[in-house]
Amino acid sequence: MTRTLNLTGRYYRTIPPSEARYATEPLELALDETALVSLHCWDIGCPGGAAYDDAYCVGMGYPGTNAEAFRIMSEMIRPAMDAARASGLAVCHVQDTRIAQRYPEWLEEEPAAAESAIPVAGAPREAIPGHRAAMLERAHGVEYSERSGLAQMDFPTVVAPEPDEPIAHQTVQFDRMLRERGVVNLIYAGFATDMCILNAPGGMGPMLGLGYRVILIRDATIGVEPPDFMPERIATRWGIRFHETHWGDTITTAEFIASCRAAQEETDE
């Protein structure tokens, strides 16, 4: 008997535009064709992790957002991982190359350039030489890549991978791992809602482009919220709405855990 996750997906219905609204639909996902994906869970500013440095705006950017991300990892993502593991649902991790390279068993067999690198080999010369680098340093701090928490970051202990769980850092690598396992449904949790979750290598946008069903756990993520955005979660809400409008459904952590437990009970009977 094929075990399933039975969920209720929420999306934003745009047709007709004059009556745009939230809608729901049942999702019945074969357990062995589905994976929970933890994306870009970093330990910058977490207990025992890479130190937060006010000279740099990296990771989740701001003290309040860092603290909220750690709460989400502890109270939402870790329980979701535990429920997935107990039910036999695959757990996968998509990470920045700087973290993935600490786990060489999951790196590409052949060296490959980072997919997000700009400019890439063969690209036209910069229209304004040095402008892009200047804008990045203005946003993140001088020499941020080498001197900030990015250089030391790793998985937070609370959401660390287990030995047999895949760690991907590139879309093509993640795609290969999933096809080898027969996985076609990806349920995402992690950070940041308005940035990496959407478009990082292995994120929802690139994987939707390869034909995967992508689902977001909407209370297991947060955007990069400046202090004036934080009260209303503007970045988070925008990222969730974009996904629900254009790419797929969202669910809640509680619903995901309950569905995993129901699937586990099917095995126990």
C-alpha atoms as a PDB file:
ATOM      1  CA  MET A   1       0.000   0.000   0.000  1.00  0.00           C
ATOM      2  CA  THR A   2       1.328   3.443  -0.946  1.00  0.00           C
ATOM      3  CA  ARG A   3       1.504   5.731   2.045  1.00  0.00           C
ATOM      4  CA  THR A   4       0.490   9.346   1.475  1.00  0.00           C
ATOM      5  CA  LEU A   5       0.667  12.777   3.016  1.00  0.00           C
ATOM      6  CA  ASN A   6      -2.793  14.302   2.961  1.00  0.00           C
ATOM      7  CA  LEU A   7      -2.586  18.078   3.141  1.00  0.00           C
ATOM      8  CA  THR A   8      -4.649  21.150   2.335  1.00  0.00           C
ATOM      9  CA  GLY A   9      -2.717  23.544   0.121  1.00  0.00           C
ATOM     10  CA  ARG A  10      -3.448  27.252   0.144  1.00  0.00           C
ATOM     11  CA  TYR A  11      -2.842  29.403  -2.926  1.00  0.00           C
ATOM     12  CA  TYR A  12      -3.827  32.854  -4.202  1.00  0.00           C
ATOM     13  CA  ARG A  13      -6.369  32.605  -6.998  1.00  0.00           C
ATOM     14  CA  THR A  14      -5.954  35.350  -9.600  1.00  0.00           C
ATOM     15  CA  ILE A  15      -8.626  34.355 -12.122  1.00  0.00           C
ATOM     16  CA  PRO A  16     -10.788  36.312 -12.533  1.00  0.00           C
ATOM     17  CA  PRO A  17      -8.640  39.268 -11.379  1.00  0.00           C
ATOM     18  CA  SER A  18     -11.748  41.139 -10.271  1.00  0.00           C
ATOM     19  CA  GLU A  19     -12.332  38.417  -7.667  1.00  0.00           C
ATOM     20  CA  ALA A  20      -8.763  37.576  -6.606  1.00  0.00           C
ATOM     21  CA  ARG A  21      -8.733  35.674  -3.322  1.00  0.00           C
ATOM     22  CA  TYR A  22      -7.217  32.822  -1.343  1.00  0.00           C
ATOM     23  CA  ALA A  23      -8.303  29.324  -2.272  1.00  0.00           C
ATOM     24  CA  THR A  24      -7.468  25.836  -1.051  1.00  0.00           C
ATOM     25  CA  GLU A  25      -7.051  22.458  -2.668  1.00  0.00           C
ATOM     26  CA  PRO A  26      -6.425  18.923  -1.368  1.00  0.00           C
ATOM     27  CA  LEU A  27      -2.906  17.588  -1.814  1.00  0.00           C
ATOM     28  CA  GLU A  28      -2.380  13.846  -1.746  1.00  0.00           C
ATOM     29  CA  LEU A  29       1.358  13.208  -2.021  1.00  0.00           C
ATOM     30  CA  ALA A  30       2.953   9.776  -2.135  1.00  0.00           C
ATOM     31  CA  LEU A  31       5.349   9.584   0.805  1.00  0.00           C
ATOM     32  CA  ASP A  32       8.140   7.996  -1.206  1.00  0.00           C
ATOM     33  CA  GLU A  33       7.864  10.712  -3.881  1.00  0.00           C
ATOM     34  CA  THR A  34       8.066  13.591  -1.407  1.00  0.00           C
ATOM     35  CA  ALA A  35      10.832  15.302   0.584  1.00  0.00           C
ATOM     36  CA  LEU A  36      11.063  17.953   3.273  1.00  0.00           C
ATOM     37  CA  VAL A  37      13.663  20.499   2.157  1.00  0.00           C
ATOM     38  CA  SER A  38      15.520  22.615   4.711  1.00  0.00           C
ATOM     39  CA  LEU A  39      17.001  25.558   2.801  1.00  0.00           C
ATOM     40  CA  HIS A  40      19.705  27.968   3.986  1.00  0.00           C
ATOM     41  CA  CYS A  41      19.430  27.386   7.699  1.00  0.00           C
ATOM     42  CA  TRP A  42      22.554  29.200   8.929  1.00  0.00           C
ATOM     43  CA  ASP A  43      23.973  29.536  12.430  1.00  0.00           C
ATOM     44  CA  ILE A  44      24.946  33.240  12.253  1.00  0.00           C
ATOM     45  CA  GLY A  45      23.838  34.750  15.556  1.00  0.00           C
ATOM     46  CA  CYS A  46      22.544  31.410  16.884  1.00  0.00           C
ATOM     47  CA  PRO A  47      23.686  29.989  20.228  1.00  0.00           C
ATOM     48  CA  GLY A  48      27.075  28.363  19.667  1.00  0.00           C
ATOM     49  CA  GLY A  49      27.157  29.474  16.033  1.00  0.00           C
ATOM     50  CA  ALA A  50      29.035  32.033  13.956  1.00  0.00           C
ATOM     51  CA  ALA A  51      29.091  35.351  15.771  1.00  0.00           C
ATOM     52  CA  TYR A  52      26.802  38.201  14.793  1.00  0.00           C
ATOM     53  CA  ASP A  53      28.843  41.299  13.934  1.00  0.00           C
ATOM     54  CA  ASP A  54      27.096  44.657  13.696  1.00  0.00           C
ATOM     55  CA  ALA A  55      29.637  45.755  11.072  1.00  0.00           C
ATOM     56  CA  TYR A  56      27.982  43.435   8.547  1.00  0.00           C
ATOM     57  CA  CYS A  57      24.475  42.795   7.263  1.00  0.00           C
ATOM     58  CA  VAL A  58      24.591  39.099   6.360  1.00  0.00           C
ATOM     59  CA  GLY A  59      22.536  35.997   7.055  1.00  0.00           C
ATOM     60  CA  MET A  60      19.132  37.201   8.206  1.00  0.00           C
ATOM     61  CA  GLY A  61      20.576  40.684   8.397  1.00  0.00           C
ATOM     62  CA  TYR A  62      19.143  42.215  11.545  1.00  0.00           C
ATOM     63  CA  PRO A  63      19.246  41.170  15.218  1.00  0.00           C
ATOM     64  CA  GLY A  64      15.480  40.791  15.480  1.00  0.00           C
ATOM     65  CA  THR A  65      15.258  38.711  12.327  1.00  0.00           C
ATOM     66  CA  ASN A  66      18.168  36.518  13.396  1.00  0.00           C
ATOM     67  CA  ALA A  67      16.433  35.816  16.701  1.00  0.00           C
ATOM     68  CA  GLU A  68      13.137  35.024  14.995  1.00  0.00           C
ATOM     69  CA  ALA A  69      14.848  32.704  12.504  1.00  0.00           C
ATOM     70  CA  PHE A  70      16.394  30.752  15.372  1.00  0.00           C
ATOM     71  CA  ARG A  71      12.986  30.482  17.049  1.00  0.00           C
ATOM     72  CA  ILE A  72      11.481  29.187  13.800  1.00  0.00           C
ATOM     73  CA  MET A  73      14.259  26.613  13.425  1.00  0.00           C
ATOM     74  CA  SER A  74      13.770  25.441  17.006  1.00  0.00           C
ATOM     75  CA  GLU A  75       9.969  25.483  17.197  1.00  0.00           C
ATOM     76  CA  MET A  76       8.916  24.774  13.617  1.00  0.00           C
ATOM     77  CA  ILE A  77      11.621  23.309  11.392  1.00  0.00           C
ATOM     78  CA  ARG A  78      13.144  20.868  13.886  1.00  0.00           C
ATOM     79  CA  PRO A  79       9.758  19.387  14.880  1.00  0.00           C
ATOM     80  CA  ALA A  80       8.888  19.091  11.176  1.00  0.00           C
ATOM     81  CA  MET A  81      12.185  17.263  10.580  1.00  0.00           C
ATOM     82  CA  ASP A  82      11.548  14.928  13.497  1.00  0.00           C
ATOM     83  CA  ALA A  83       8.068  14.091  12.209  1.00  0.00           C
ATOM     84  CA  ALA A  84       9.361  13.514   8.680  1.00  0.00           C
ATOM     85  CA  ARG A  85      12.159  11.232   9.868  1.00  0.00           C
ATOM     86  CA  ALA A  86       9.801   9.231  12.068  1.00  0.00           C
ATOM     87  CA  SER A  87       7.400   8.676   9.169  1.00  0.00           C
ATOM     88  CA  GLY A  88      10.113   7.683   6.694  1.00  0.00           C
ATOM     89  CA  LEU A  89       9.752  10.864   4.630  1.00  0.00           C
ATOM     90  CA  ALA A  90      13.020  11.994   3.039  1.00  0.00           C
ATOM     91  CA  VAL A  91      14.735  15.044   4.554  1.00  0.00           C
ATOM     92  CA  CYS A  92      17.059  17.010   2.266  1.00  0.00           C
ATOM     93  CA  HIS A  93      19.191  20.080   2.872  1.00  0.00           C
ATOM     94  CA  VAL A  94      19.978  22.849   0.391  1.00  0.00           C
ATOM     95  CA  GLN A  95      22.883  24.979   1.506  1.00  0.00           C
ATOM     96  CA  ASP A  96      25.303  27.678   0.503  1.00  0.00           C
ATOM     97  CA  THR A  97      28.479  26.213  -0.998  1.00  0.00           C
ATOM     98  CA  ARG A  98      30.477  27.504   1.978  1.00  0.00           C
ATOM     99  CA  ILE A  99      28.545  25.147   4.218  1.00  0.00           C
ATOM    100  CA  ALA A 100      28.121  22.287   1.761  1.00  0.00           C
ATOM    101  CA  GLN A 101      31.884  22.034   1.281  1.00  0.00           C
ATOM    102  CA  ARG A 102      32.193  21.060   4.939  1.00  0.00           C
ATOM    103  CA  TYR A 103      30.332  17.880   3.963  1.00  0.00           C
ATOM    104  CA  PRO A 104      32.367  16.619   0.991  1.00  0.00           C
ATOM    105  CA  GLU A 105      30.346  13.416   0.560  1.00  0.00           C
ATOM    106  CA  TRP A 106      27.543  15.573  -0.859  1.00  0.00           C
ATOM    107  CA  LEU A 107      29.541  17.931  -3.091  1.00  0.00           C
ATOM    108  CA  GLU A 108      29.533  17.648  -6.863  1.00  0.00           C
ATOM    109  CA  GLU A 109      31.697  14.837  -8.167  1.00  0.00           C
ATOM    110  CA  GLU A 110      33.210  17.313 -10.641  1.00  0.00           C
ATOM    111  CA  PRO A 111      34.096  20.890  -9.694  1.00  0.00           C
ATOM    112  CA  ALA A 112      31.567  23.385 -10.972  1.00  0.00           C
ATOM    113  CA  ALA A 113      31.261  27.159 -10.756  1.00  0.00           C
ATOM    114  CA  ALA A 114      28.735  28.517  -8.286  1.00  0.00           C
ATOM    115  CA  GLU A 115      25.459  28.986 -10.143  1.00  0.00           C
ATOM    116  CA  SER A 116      24.857  32.420  -8.672  1.00  0.00           C
ATOM    117  CA  ALA A 117      28.325  33.760  -9.503  1.00  0.00           C
ATOM    118  CA  ILE A 118      28.243  37.053 -11.435  1.00  0.00           C
ATOM    119  CA  PRO A 119      30.055  37.735 -13.670  1.00  0.00           C
ATOM    120  CA  VAL A 120      30.602  34.235 -15.033  1.00  0.00           C
ATOM    121  CA  ALA A 121      33.251  33.082 -17.466  1.00  0.00           C
ATOM    122  CA  GLY A 122      32.486  34.406 -20.931  1.00  0.00           C
ATOM    123  CA  ALA A 123      30.088  37.108 -19.676  1.00  0.00           C
ATOM    124  CA  PRO A 124      30.386  40.602 -21.152  1.00  0.00           C
ATOM    125  CA  ARG A 125      32.631  42.983 -19.280  1.00  0.00           C
ATOM    126  CA  GLU A 126      30.941  45.094 -16.634  1.00  0.00           C
ATOM    127  CA  ALA A 127      29.221  48.175 -17.959  1.00  0.00           C
ATOM    128  CA  ILE A 128      30.589  50.155 -15.001  1.00  0.00           C
ATOM    129  CA  PRO A 129      33.679  48.329 -13.722  1.00  0.00           C
ATOM    130  CA  GLY A 130      33.514  47.761  -9.973  1.00  0.00           C
ATOM    131  CA  HIS A 131      29.950  49.046  -9.542  1.00  0.00           C
ATOM    132  CA  ARG A 132      28.410  45.716  -8.619  1.00  0.00           C
ATOM    133  CA  ALA A 133      31.084  45.027  -5.999  1.00  0.00           C
ATOM    134  CA  ALA A 134      30.585  48.500  -4.551  1.00  0.00           C
ATOM    135  CA  MET A 135      26.825  47.965  -4.237  1.00  0.00           C
ATOM    136  CA  LEU A 136      27.319  44.590  -2.524  1.00  0.00           C
ATOM    137  CA  GLU A 137      29.727  46.098  -0.023  1.00  0.00           C
ATOM    138  CA  ARG A 138      27.355  48.984   0.601  1.00  0.00           C
ATOM    139  CA  ALA A 139      24.600  46.495   1.416  1.00  0.00           C
ATOM    140  CA  HIS A 140      26.611  43.928   3.381  1.00  0.00           C
ATOM    141  CA  GLY A 141      29.817  45.582   4.615  1.00  0.00           C
ATOM    142  CA  VAL A 142      33.391  45.890   3.367  1.00  0.00           C
ATOM    143  CA  GLU A 143      34.970  42.485   2.642  1.00  0.00           C
ATOM    144  CA  TYR A 144      31.837  40.852   4.037  1.00  0.00           C
ATOM    145  CA  SER A 145      32.398  37.526   2.293  1.00  0.00           C
ATOM    146  CA  GLU A 146      35.736  36.977   4.038  1.00  0.00           C
ATOM    147  CA  ARG A 147      35.318  38.844   7.330  1.00  0.00           C
ATOM    148  CA  SER A 148      31.694  38.382   8.391  1.00  0.00           C
ATOM    149  CA  GLY A 149      29.902  35.372   9.822  1.00  0.00           C
ATOM    150  CA  LEU A 150      29.521  34.025   6.285  1.00  0.00           C
ATOM    151  CA  ALA A 151      33.113  32.800   6.427  1.00  0.00           C
ATOM    152  CA  GLN A 152      32.535  30.641   9.539  1.00  0.00           C
ATOM    153  CA  MET A 153      28.868  29.692   9.288  1.00  0.00           C
ATOM    154  CA  ASP A 154      27.555  26.139   9.407  1.00  0.00           C
ATOM    155  CA  PHE A 155      24.280  24.369  10.159  1.00  0.00           C
ATOM    156  CA  PRO A 156      22.745  25.360  13.488  1.00  0.00           C
ATOM    157  CA  THR A 157      22.903  22.323  15.762  1.00  0.00           C
ATOM    158  CA  VAL A 158      19.122  22.281  16.145  1.00  0.00           C
ATOM    159  CA  VAL A 159      18.582  21.543  12.430  1.00  0.00           C
ATOM    160  CA  ALA A 160      21.802  19.682  11.645  1.00  0.00           C
ATOM    161  CA  PRO A 161      21.578  16.944   8.999  1.00  0.00           C
ATOM    162  CA  GLU A 162      21.671  13.279   9.861  1.00  0.00           C
ATOM    163  CA  PRO A 163      24.447  11.241   8.192  1.00  0.00           C
ATOM    164  CA  ASP A 164      22.336   9.796   5.381  1.00  0.00           C
ATOM    165  CA  GLU A 165      20.525  13.025   4.438  1.00  0.00           C
ATOM    166  CA  PRO A 166      21.501  14.696   1.144  1.00  0.00           C
ATOM    167  CA  ILE A 167      23.101  18.149   1.199  1.00  0.00           C
ATOM    168  CA  ALA A 168      22.940  20.014  -2.113  1.00  0.00           C
ATOM    169  CA  HIS A 169      24.427  23.338  -3.125  1.00  0.00           C
ATOM    170  CA  GLN A 170      23.521  23.465  -6.823  1.00  0.00           C
ATOM    171  CA  THR A 171      20.289  23.001  -8.734  1.00  0.00           C
ATOM    172  CA  VAL A 172      21.670  20.369 -11.108  1.00  0.00           C
ATOM    173  CA  GLN A 173      23.154  18.436  -8.197  1.00  0.00           C
ATOM    174  CA  PHE A 174      19.893  18.573  -6.228  1.00  0.00           C
ATOM    175  CA  ASP A 175      17.921  17.513  -9.295  1.00  0.00           C
ATOM    176  CA  ARG A 176      20.182  14.481  -9.755  1.00  0.00           C
ATOM    177  CA  MET A 177      19.829  13.482  -6.085  1.00  0.00           C
ATOM    178  CA  LEU A 178      16.044  13.714  -6.265  1.00  0.00           C
ATOM    179  CA  ARG A 179      15.704  11.783  -9.526  1.00  0.00           C
ATOM    180  CA  GLU A 180      17.873   8.997  -8.103  1.00  0.00           C
ATOM    181  CA  ARG A 181      15.393   8.741  -5.225  1.00  0.00           C
ATOM    182  CA  GLY A 182      12.203   9.162  -7.273  1.00  0.00           C
ATOM    183  CA  VAL A 183      11.235  12.379  -5.449  1.00  0.00           C
ATOM    184  CA  VAL A 184       9.005  14.862  -7.302  1.00  0.00           C
ATOM    185  CA  ASN A 185       7.269  16.803  -4.480  1.00  0.00           C
ATOM    186  CA  LEU A 186       9.348  19.288  -2.448  1.00  0.00           C
ATOM    187  CA  ILE A 187       8.091  20.817   0.807  1.00  0.00           C
ATOM    188  CA  TYR A 188      10.300  23.772   1.757  1.00  0.00           C
ATOM    189  CA  ALA A 189      11.156  25.396   5.076  1.00  0.00           C
ATOM    190  CA  GLY A 190      13.951  27.867   5.780  1.00  0.00           C
ATOM    191  CA  PHE A 191      15.232  31.256   4.768  1.00  0.00           C
ATOM    192  CA  ALA A 192      14.806  33.867   3.563  1.00  0.00           C
ATOM    193  CA  THR A 193      11.219  33.951   2.311  1.00  0.00           C
ATOM    194  CA  ASP A 194      11.758  36.911   0.012  1.00  0.00           C
ATOM    195  CA  MET A 195      15.161  35.867  -1.321  1.00  0.00           C
ATOM    196  CA  CYS A 196      16.862  32.451  -1.226  1.00  0.00           C
ATOM    197  CA  ILE A 197      13.744  30.337  -0.718  1.00  0.00           C
ATOM    198  CA  LEU A 198      12.481  31.731  -4.008  1.00  0.00           C
ATOM    199  CA  ASN A 199      15.551  31.892  -6.214  1.00  0.00           C
ATOM    200  CA  ALA A 200      18.726  30.380  -4.715  1.00  0.00           C
ATOM    201  CA  PRO A 201      20.230  27.310  -6.417  1.00  0.00           C
ATOM    202  CA  GLY A 202      17.975  24.436  -5.351  1.00  0.00           C
ATOM    203  CA  GLY A 203      15.250  26.882  -4.284  1.00  0.00           C
ATOM    204  CA  MET A 204      11.607  26.803  -5.287  1.00  0.00           C
ATOM    205  CA  GLY A 205      11.932  28.798  -8.505  1.00  0.00           C
ATOM    206  CA  PRO A 206      14.755  26.756 -10.052  1.00  0.00           C
ATOM    207  CA  MET A 207      13.108  23.473  -9.021  1.00  0.00           C
ATOM    208  CA  LEU A 208       9.702  24.509 -10.357  1.00  0.00           C
ATOM    209  CA  GLY A 209      11.516  25.275 -13.592  1.00  0.00           C
ATOM    210  CA  LEU A 210      12.548  21.618 -13.697  1.00  0.00           C
ATOM    211  CA  GLY A 211       8.948  20.486 -13.188  1.00  0.00           C
ATOM    212  CA  TYR A 212       8.894  19.693  -9.460  1.00  0.00           C
ATOM    213  CA  ARG A 213       5.861  20.451  -7.293  1.00  0.00           C
ATOM    214  CA  VAL A 214       7.065  23.044  -4.754  1.00  0.00           C
ATOM    215  CA  ILE A 215       5.208  23.688  -1.498  1.00  0.00           C
ATOM    216  CA  LEU A 216       6.159  26.154   1.247  1.00  0.00           C
ATOM    217  CA  ILE A 217       5.541  25.758   4.987  1.00  0.00           C
ATOM    218  CA  ARG A 218       4.466  29.331   5.518  1.00  0.00           C
ATOM    219  CA  ASP A 219       5.091  29.531   9.273  1.00  0.00           C
ATOM    220  CA  ALA A 220       8.513  27.847   8.986  1.00  0.00           C
ATOM    221  CA  THR A 221      10.149  30.767   7.191  1.00  0.00           C
ATOM    222  CA  ILE A 222      10.787  34.485   7.544  1.00  0.00           C
ATOM    223  CA  GLY A 223      12.041  37.145   5.161  1.00  0.00           C
ATOM    224  CA  VAL A 224      14.874  39.590   5.733  1.00  0.00           C
ATOM    225  CA  GLU A 225      12.854  42.091   7.745  1.00  0.00           C
ATOM    226  CA  PRO A 226      14.402  45.515   8.483  1.00  0.00           C
ATOM    227  CA  PRO A 227      13.253  46.867  11.852  1.00  0.00           C
ATOM    228  CA  ASP A 228      10.521  49.011  10.263  1.00  0.00           C
ATOM    229  CA  PHE A 229       9.171  45.986   8.331  1.00  0.00           C
ATOM    230  CA  MET A 230       9.267  43.551  11.237  1.00  0.00           C
ATOM    231  CA  PRO A 231       5.954  44.419  12.955  1.00  0.00           C
ATOM    232  CA  GLU A 232       3.979  43.637   9.786  1.00  0.00           C
ATOM    233  CA  ARG A 233       6.377  41.014   8.347  1.00  0.00           C
ATOM    234  CA  ILE A 234       6.279  42.810   4.989  1.00  0.00           C
ATOM    235  CA  ALA A 235       9.126  40.862   3.344  1.00  0.00           C
ATOM    236  CA  THR A 236       7.784  37.541   4.600  1.00  0.00           C
ATOM    237  CA  ARG A 237       4.246  38.213   3.472  1.00  0.00           C
ATOM    238  CA  TRP A 238       5.410  39.360   0.052  1.00  0.00           C
ATOM    239  CA  GLY A 239       7.495  36.212  -0.473  1.00  0.00           C
ATOM    240  CA  ILE A 240       4.658  33.938   0.598  1.00  0.00           C
ATOM    241  CA  ARG A 241       2.124  35.756  -1.588  1.00  0.00           C
ATOM    242  CA  PHE A 242       4.456  35.626  -4.600  1.00  0.00           C
ATOM    243  CA  HIS A 243       4.810  31.886  -4.218  1.00  0.00           C
ATOM    244  CA  GLU A 244       1.102  31.302  -3.612  1.00  0.00           C
ATOM    245  CA  THR A 245       0.257  33.374  -6.692  1.00  0.00           C
ATOM    246  CA  HIS A 246       2.786  32.075  -9.191  1.00  0.00           C
ATOM    247  CA  TRP A 247       4.400  28.809  -8.121  1.00  0.00           C
ATOM    248  CA  GLY A 248       2.396  26.638  -5.755  1.00  0.00           C
ATOM    249  CA  ASP A 249       0.706  26.046  -2.434  1.00  0.00           C
ATOM    250  CA  THR A 250       1.559  26.697   1.187  1.00  0.00           C
ATOM    251  CA  ILE A 251       0.768  24.663   4.291  1.00  0.00           C
ATOM    252  CA  THR A 252       1.397  25.027   8.037  1.00  0.00           C
ATOM    253  CA  THR A 253       3.867  23.245  10.267  1.00  0.00           C
ATOM    254  CA  ALA A 254       1.100  21.758  12.396  1.00  0.00           C
ATOM    255  CA  GLU A 255      -0.627  20.326   9.350  1.00  0.00           C
ATOM    256  CA  PHE A 256       2.614  18.856   8.004  1.00  0.00           C
ATOM    257  CA  ILE A 257       3.437  17.195  11.327  1.00  0.00           C
ATOM    258  CA  ALA A 258      -0.085  15.783  11.673  1.00  0.00           C
ATOM    259  CA  SER A 259       0.083  14.360   8.153  1.00  0.00           C
ATOM    260  CA  CYS A 260       3.462  12.746   8.844  1.00  0.00           C
ATOM    261  CA  ARG A 261       2.113  11.189  12.026  1.00  0.00           C
ATOM    262  CA  ALA A 262      -0.917   9.848  10.191  1.00  0.00           C
ATOM    263  CA  ALA A 263       1.383   8.287   7.591  1.00  0.00           C
ATOM    264  CA  GLN A 264       3.484   6.770  10.370  1.00  0.00           C
ATOM    265  CA  GLU A 265       0.387   5.269  11.967  1.00  0.00           C
ATOM    266  CA  GLU A 266      -0.419   3.582   8.650  1.00  0.00           C
ATOM    267  CA  THR A 267       2.931   1.804   8.932  1.00  0.00           C
ATOM    268  CA  ASP A 268       2.419   0.863  12.579  1.00  0.00           C
ATOM    269  CA  GLU A 269      -0.996  -0.751  11.961  1.00  0.00           C
END
